[in-house]
């Protein structure tokens, strides 16, 4: 025995590299459903990276258009020669074309330099991206339970908001801003100060408000726990990662630039394992 790790499919490898949190949680799905989740998560990564990998915005917009055009072939079982498209085509019977298109359309917002006007607007973006993704993941697992879908919505919102807080330094380096403009104005925080990583206590107050919203969604999701079937767990387990991230952010005084936040931490990953064993998210 060599001890070498078994080779991953192209979609699984893309998910592992681009979205370790969802990849880790997908490992607790039934063996015959994991590749479906990996394909969906790899698709989401393709959309999320459209702005990042393009040398100029027009190229990123064209990348999104390519996926719009590719969907018809994917859903007809005739995908273009792309590993992620081929992965999606293999599970096309459980895919919702409208949901996938919604995910694509939502990513057009990544090319808009204007900050979200309010927390409600930001949550609308997260609803179309992270929540739609979670509901599609439930469909791939064959879970149609209303309580599970409602819990997935709240977990998706919490995960999306917490993820954007974690990404503040990354977005700042690219001069991108996802935090609500009204909260920034009330706290007296200028965009340029965030881009220069010197926003101070005002940014902490804004981050605390966004974190509070994420925590509220987390609590709402967990309140549904007794009614949610265990089959939904791989989609809901990210709640444990969100809880760990929000706790670390609070310990850092809600400063998104705090150095201690850069390390992912073994403890948060072990929390997922514990949740999978106990059947609790």
Protein backbone atom coordinates (compact mmCIF):
# COMPACT_ATOMS: atom_id res chain seq x y z
CA UNK A 1 0.00 0.00 0.00
CA UNK A 2 1.33 3.38 -0.98
CA UNK A 3 -0.96 5.47 1.20
CA UNK A 4 -1.64 7.78 -1.73
CA UNK A 5 -4.97 9.62 -1.73
CA UNK A 6 -7.41 8.22 -4.32
CA UNK A 7 -7.69 10.41 -7.39
CA UNK A 8 -10.62 12.83 -7.27
CA UNK A 9 -12.89 13.61 -10.18
CA UNK A 10 -12.41 16.99 -11.85
CA UNK A 11 -15.50 18.39 -10.11
CA UNK A 12 -14.50 17.01 -6.71
CA UNK A 13 -11.03 18.49 -7.07
CA UNK A 14 -12.48 21.85 -8.10
CA UNK A 15 -14.77 21.81 -5.05
CA UNK A 16 -11.92 20.79 -2.74
CA UNK A 17 -9.71 23.62 -3.96
CA UNK A 18 -12.34 26.31 -4.42
CA UNK A 19 -14.87 25.67 -1.66
CA UNK A 20 -13.36 23.52 1.08
CA UNK A 21 -16.24 24.11 3.48
CA UNK A 22 -18.97 22.75 1.21
CA UNK A 23 -16.62 20.04 -0.05
CA UNK A 24 -16.00 18.83 3.50
CA UNK A 25 -19.73 18.74 4.27
CA UNK A 26 -20.50 16.93 1.01
CA UNK A 27 -18.26 14.06 2.11
CA UNK A 28 -21.03 13.11 4.56
CA UNK A 29 -23.55 12.63 1.76
CA UNK A 30 -24.37 9.12 0.53
CA UNK A 31 -21.62 7.83 -1.74
CA UNK A 32 -23.86 7.78 -4.79
CA UNK A 33 -24.83 11.46 -4.32
CA UNK A 34 -21.45 13.04 -3.61
CA UNK A 35 -20.42 13.54 -7.24
CA UNK A 36 -23.71 15.34 -7.88
CA UNK A 37 -22.94 17.79 -5.07
CA UNK A 38 -19.36 18.22 -6.27
CA UNK A 39 -20.60 19.07 -9.77
CA UNK A 40 -23.04 21.64 -8.42
CA UNK A 41 -20.45 23.20 -6.14
CA UNK A 42 -17.89 23.29 -8.96
CA UNK A 43 -20.49 25.10 -11.10
CA UNK A 44 -20.97 27.65 -8.34
CA UNK A 45 -17.22 28.17 -8.16
CA UNK A 46 -17.11 28.80 -11.91
CA UNK A 47 -19.69 31.56 -11.49
CA UNK A 48 -18.17 33.03 -8.34
CA UNK A 49 -14.74 33.29 -9.96
CA UNK A 50 -15.97 34.93 -13.17
CA UNK A 51 -15.00 38.38 -11.89
CA UNK A 52 -11.77 37.25 -10.25
CA UNK A 53 -10.16 35.39 -13.14
CA UNK A 54 -11.04 37.82 -15.93
CA UNK A 55 -8.41 40.34 -16.94
CA UNK A 56 -11.17 42.84 -17.60
CA UNK A 57 -14.88 42.92 -16.69
CA UNK A 58 -16.13 42.23 -20.22
CA UNK A 59 -14.32 38.90 -20.27
CA UNK A 60 -15.95 37.91 -16.99
CA UNK A 61 -19.39 38.87 -18.29
CA UNK A 62 -18.70 36.76 -21.37
CA UNK A 63 -17.80 33.87 -19.09
CA UNK A 64 -21.23 34.09 -17.46
CA UNK A 65 -22.86 34.25 -20.89
CA UNK A 66 -21.00 31.08 -21.87
CA UNK A 67 -22.65 29.30 -18.95
CA UNK A 68 -26.07 30.62 -19.91
CA UNK A 69 -25.59 29.22 -23.41
CA UNK A 70 -24.16 25.95 -22.07
CA UNK A 71 -27.17 25.18 -19.86
CA UNK A 72 -29.40 24.03 -22.69
CA UNK A 73 -26.80 21.48 -23.76
CA UNK A 74 -26.21 20.41 -20.18
CA UNK A 75 -29.90 19.80 -19.51
CA UNK A 76 -30.34 18.01 -22.84
CA UNK A 77 -27.48 15.66 -22.03
CA UNK A 78 -25.23 17.23 -24.68
CA UNK A 79 -22.82 19.34 -22.60
CA UNK A 80 -19.95 21.28 -24.13
CA UNK A 81 -16.48 19.91 -23.58
CA UNK A 82 -16.03 21.20 -20.07
CA UNK A 83 -15.57 18.98 -17.01
CA UNK A 84 -18.05 20.87 -14.85
CA UNK A 85 -20.68 21.00 -17.59
CA UNK A 86 -20.24 17.27 -18.10
CA UNK A 87 -20.59 16.67 -14.36
CA UNK A 88 -23.84 18.66 -14.28
CA UNK A 89 -25.18 16.80 -17.29
CA UNK A 90 -24.83 13.51 -15.45
CA UNK A 91 -27.28 14.71 -12.76
CA UNK A 92 -29.46 16.86 -15.02
CA UNK A 93 -32.70 15.09 -14.05
CA UNK A 94 -32.62 16.75 -10.61
CA UNK A 95 -31.48 20.19 -11.77
CA UNK A 96 -33.77 23.21 -11.99
CA UNK A 97 -32.90 25.34 -15.03
CA UNK A 98 -34.52 28.41 -13.48
CA UNK A 99 -32.45 28.06 -10.31
CA UNK A 100 -29.20 27.67 -12.24
CA UNK A 101 -30.04 30.71 -14.35
CA UNK A 102 -30.82 32.66 -11.19
CA UNK A 103 -27.35 31.83 -9.88
CA UNK A 104 -25.79 33.05 -13.12
CA UNK A 105 -27.82 36.26 -13.20
CA UNK A 106 -26.98 37.04 -9.59
CA UNK A 107 -23.27 36.98 -10.40
CA UNK A 108 -23.76 39.89 -12.81
CA UNK A 109 -23.90 41.97 -9.62
CA UNK A 110 -20.22 41.17 -9.01
CA UNK A 111 -19.37 43.47 -11.91
CA UNK A 112 -21.23 46.43 -10.42
CA UNK A 113 -18.92 48.80 -8.54
CA UNK A 114 -21.80 50.25 -6.50
CA UNK A 115 -22.07 48.88 -2.93
CA UNK A 116 -25.32 47.27 -1.84
CA UNK A 117 -27.62 49.98 -0.54
CA UNK A 118 -28.75 48.09 2.54
CA UNK A 119 -28.48 44.82 4.44
CA UNK A 120 -31.75 43.75 2.82
CA UNK A 121 -30.21 44.27 -0.62
CA UNK A 122 -27.15 42.28 0.40
CA UNK A 123 -29.35 39.45 1.67
CA UNK A 124 -31.16 39.49 -1.68
CA UNK A 125 -27.86 38.80 -3.42
CA UNK A 126 -27.05 36.02 -0.95
CA UNK A 127 -30.54 34.58 -1.46
CA UNK A 128 -29.94 34.27 -5.20
CA UNK A 129 -26.47 32.77 -4.79
CA UNK A 130 -25.88 30.84 -1.57
CA UNK A 131 -29.53 30.00 -0.82
CA UNK A 132 -30.35 28.91 -4.36
CA UNK A 133 -27.26 26.73 -4.28
CA UNK A 134 -28.32 25.11 -1.01
CA UNK A 135 -31.82 24.36 -2.28
CA UNK A 136 -30.41 22.81 -5.46
CA UNK A 137 -28.09 20.71 -3.31
CA UNK A 138 -31.10 19.43 -1.35
CA UNK A 139 -32.78 18.48 -4.62
CA UNK A 140 -29.70 16.49 -5.63
CA UNK A 141 -29.97 14.62 -2.33
CA UNK A 142 -33.63 13.91 -3.03
CA UNK A 143 -34.81 16.00 -0.07
CA UNK A 144 -38.07 17.88 -0.68
CA UNK A 145 -39.11 18.39 2.94
CA UNK A 146 -40.36 21.93 3.65
CA UNK A 147 -38.60 22.20 7.00
CA UNK A 148 -35.34 21.16 5.36
CA UNK A 149 -35.76 23.76 2.61
CA UNK A 150 -36.54 26.47 5.15
CA UNK A 151 -33.52 25.49 7.25
CA UNK A 152 -31.37 25.43 4.10
CA UNK A 153 -32.50 28.95 3.27
CA UNK A 154 -31.44 30.23 6.69
CA UNK A 155 -28.15 28.32 6.59
CA UNK A 156 -27.51 29.65 3.08
CA UNK A 157 -28.08 33.21 4.23
CA UNK A 158 -25.87 32.77 7.29
CA UNK A 159 -23.14 31.10 5.23
CA UNK A 160 -23.25 33.78 2.56
CA UNK A 161 -23.14 36.69 4.98
CA UNK A 162 -20.36 35.14 7.06
CA UNK A 163 -18.43 34.33 3.89
CA UNK A 164 -18.61 37.93 2.72
CA UNK A 165 -17.32 39.09 6.10
CA UNK A 166 -14.41 36.66 5.81
CA UNK A 167 -13.75 37.95 2.29
CA UNK A 168 -13.55 41.65 3.23
CA UNK A 169 -9.70 41.73 3.05
CA UNK A 170 -9.71 39.83 -0.27
CA UNK A 171 -12.31 42.15 -1.78
CA UNK A 172 -10.56 45.23 -0.38
CA UNK A 173 -7.35 44.29 -2.21
CA UNK A 174 -9.38 44.22 -5.42
CA UNK A 175 -11.16 47.48 -4.47
CA UNK A 176 -14.50 45.71 -4.24
CA UNK A 177 -17.04 46.34 -1.50
CA UNK A 178 -20.01 44.19 -0.51
CA UNK A 179 -20.87 45.73 2.87
CA UNK A 180 -24.15 47.74 2.96
CA UNK A 181 -23.71 51.41 2.11
CA UNK A 182 -26.24 52.60 4.67
CA UNK A 183 -24.47 50.83 7.54
CA UNK A 184 -21.11 52.18 6.38
CA UNK A 185 -22.51 55.72 6.19
CA UNK A 186 -24.00 55.49 9.68
CA UNK A 187 -20.67 54.23 11.05
CA UNK A 188 -18.77 56.95 9.18
CA UNK A 189 -16.68 54.46 7.19
CA UNK A 190 -15.35 55.45 3.77
CA UNK A 191 -14.73 52.88 1.07
CA UNK A 192 -11.16 54.09 0.61
CA UNK A 193 -10.42 53.43 4.25
CA UNK A 194 -11.54 49.82 3.83
CA UNK A 195 -9.47 49.43 0.67
CA UNK A 196 -6.47 50.69 2.65
CA UNK A 197 -7.28 48.33 5.57
CA UNK A 198 -7.53 51.21 8.03
CA UNK A 199 -11.27 51.58 8.63
CA UNK A 200 -10.97 51.08 12.39
CA UNK A 201 -13.80 50.71 14.88
CA UNK A 202 -16.45 51.89 12.44
CA UNK A 203 -15.89 48.86 10.24
CA UNK A 204 -16.16 46.67 13.33
CA UNK A 205 -19.62 48.09 14.06
CA UNK A 206 -20.75 47.35 10.50
CA UNK A 207 -19.30 43.85 10.61
CA UNK A 208 -21.05 43.25 13.95
CA UNK A 209 -24.43 44.14 12.42
CA UNK A 210 -23.91 41.82 9.47
CA UNK A 211 -22.71 39.11 11.86
CA UNK A 212 -25.83 39.60 13.99
CA UNK A 213 -27.98 38.99 10.91
CA UNK A 214 -26.03 35.84 10.12
CA UNK A 215 -26.43 34.65 13.72
CA UNK A 216 -30.19 35.23 13.57
CA UNK A 217 -30.45 33.08 10.44
CA UNK A 218 -28.34 30.42 12.11
CA UNK A 219 -30.66 30.37 15.11
CA UNK A 220 -33.72 30.14 12.87
CA UNK A 221 -32.20 27.19 11.01
CA UNK A 222 -31.31 25.34 14.19
CA UNK A 223 -34.77 25.88 15.66
CA UNK A 224 -36.07 23.68 12.84
CA UNK A 225 -33.59 20.91 13.64
CA UNK A 226 -36.03 18.41 15.22
CA UNK A 227 -38.23 18.54 12.09
CA UNK A 228 -35.45 18.24 9.50
CA UNK A 229 -34.67 14.80 8.03
CA UNK A 230 -31.15 13.55 8.51
CA UNK A 231 -30.77 13.22 4.74
CA UNK A 232 -30.50 17.02 4.55
CA UNK A 233 -27.50 17.14 6.88
CA UNK A 234 -24.73 17.45 4.23
CA UNK A 235 -26.33 20.71 3.05
CA UNK A 236 -26.91 22.05 6.57
CA UNK A 237 -23.59 21.12 8.18
CA UNK A 238 -21.96 24.41 7.04
CA UNK A 239 -23.96 25.96 9.90
CA UNK A 240 -21.32 24.62 12.27
CA UNK A 241 -18.58 26.35 10.28
CA UNK A 242 -20.53 29.60 10.27
CA UNK A 243 -20.95 29.43 14.04
CA UNK A 244 -17.21 28.92 14.50
CA UNK A 245 -16.34 31.76 12.13
CA UNK A 246 -18.73 34.21 13.79
CA UNK A 247 -17.34 33.32 17.20
CA UNK A 248 -13.78 33.95 16.02
CA UNK A 249 -14.82 37.25 14.45
CA UNK A 250 -16.42 38.32 17.74
CA UNK A 251 -13.23 37.42 19.64
CA UNK A 252 -11.32 39.60 17.17
CA UNK A 253 -13.52 42.58 17.99
CA UNK A 254 -15.36 42.18 14.67
CA UNK A 255 -12.30 43.35 12.77
CA UNK A 256 -12.35 41.51 9.40
CA UNK A 257 -8.66 42.34 8.96
CA UNK A 258 -7.55 40.67 12.21
CA UNK A 259 -4.62 38.34 11.40
CA UNK A 260 -6.03 35.50 13.51
CA UNK A 261 -8.97 35.17 11.11
CA UNK A 262 -6.74 34.12 8.22
CA UNK A 263 -6.19 30.60 9.63
CA UNK A 264 -9.12 28.27 9.05
CA UNK A 265 -8.49 26.19 12.20
CA UNK A 266 -8.71 22.46 12.77
CA UNK A 267 -11.40 22.96 15.41
CA UNK A 268 -14.02 24.22 12.94
CA UNK A 269 -13.47 21.19 10.70
CA UNK A 270 -13.72 18.82 13.64
CA UNK A 271 -17.00 20.55 14.49
CA UNK A 272 -18.39 19.37 11.15
CA UNK A 273 -17.33 15.81 11.87
CA UNK A 274 -18.94 15.95 15.31
CA UNK A 275 -22.13 17.36 13.83
CA UNK A 276 -22.26 14.60 11.22
CA UNK A 277 -21.84 11.95 13.91
CA UNK A 278 -24.49 13.46 16.17
CA UNK A 279 -26.83 14.36 13.34
CA UNK A 280 -26.83 18.01 14.40
CA UNK A 281 -25.98 21.12 12.42
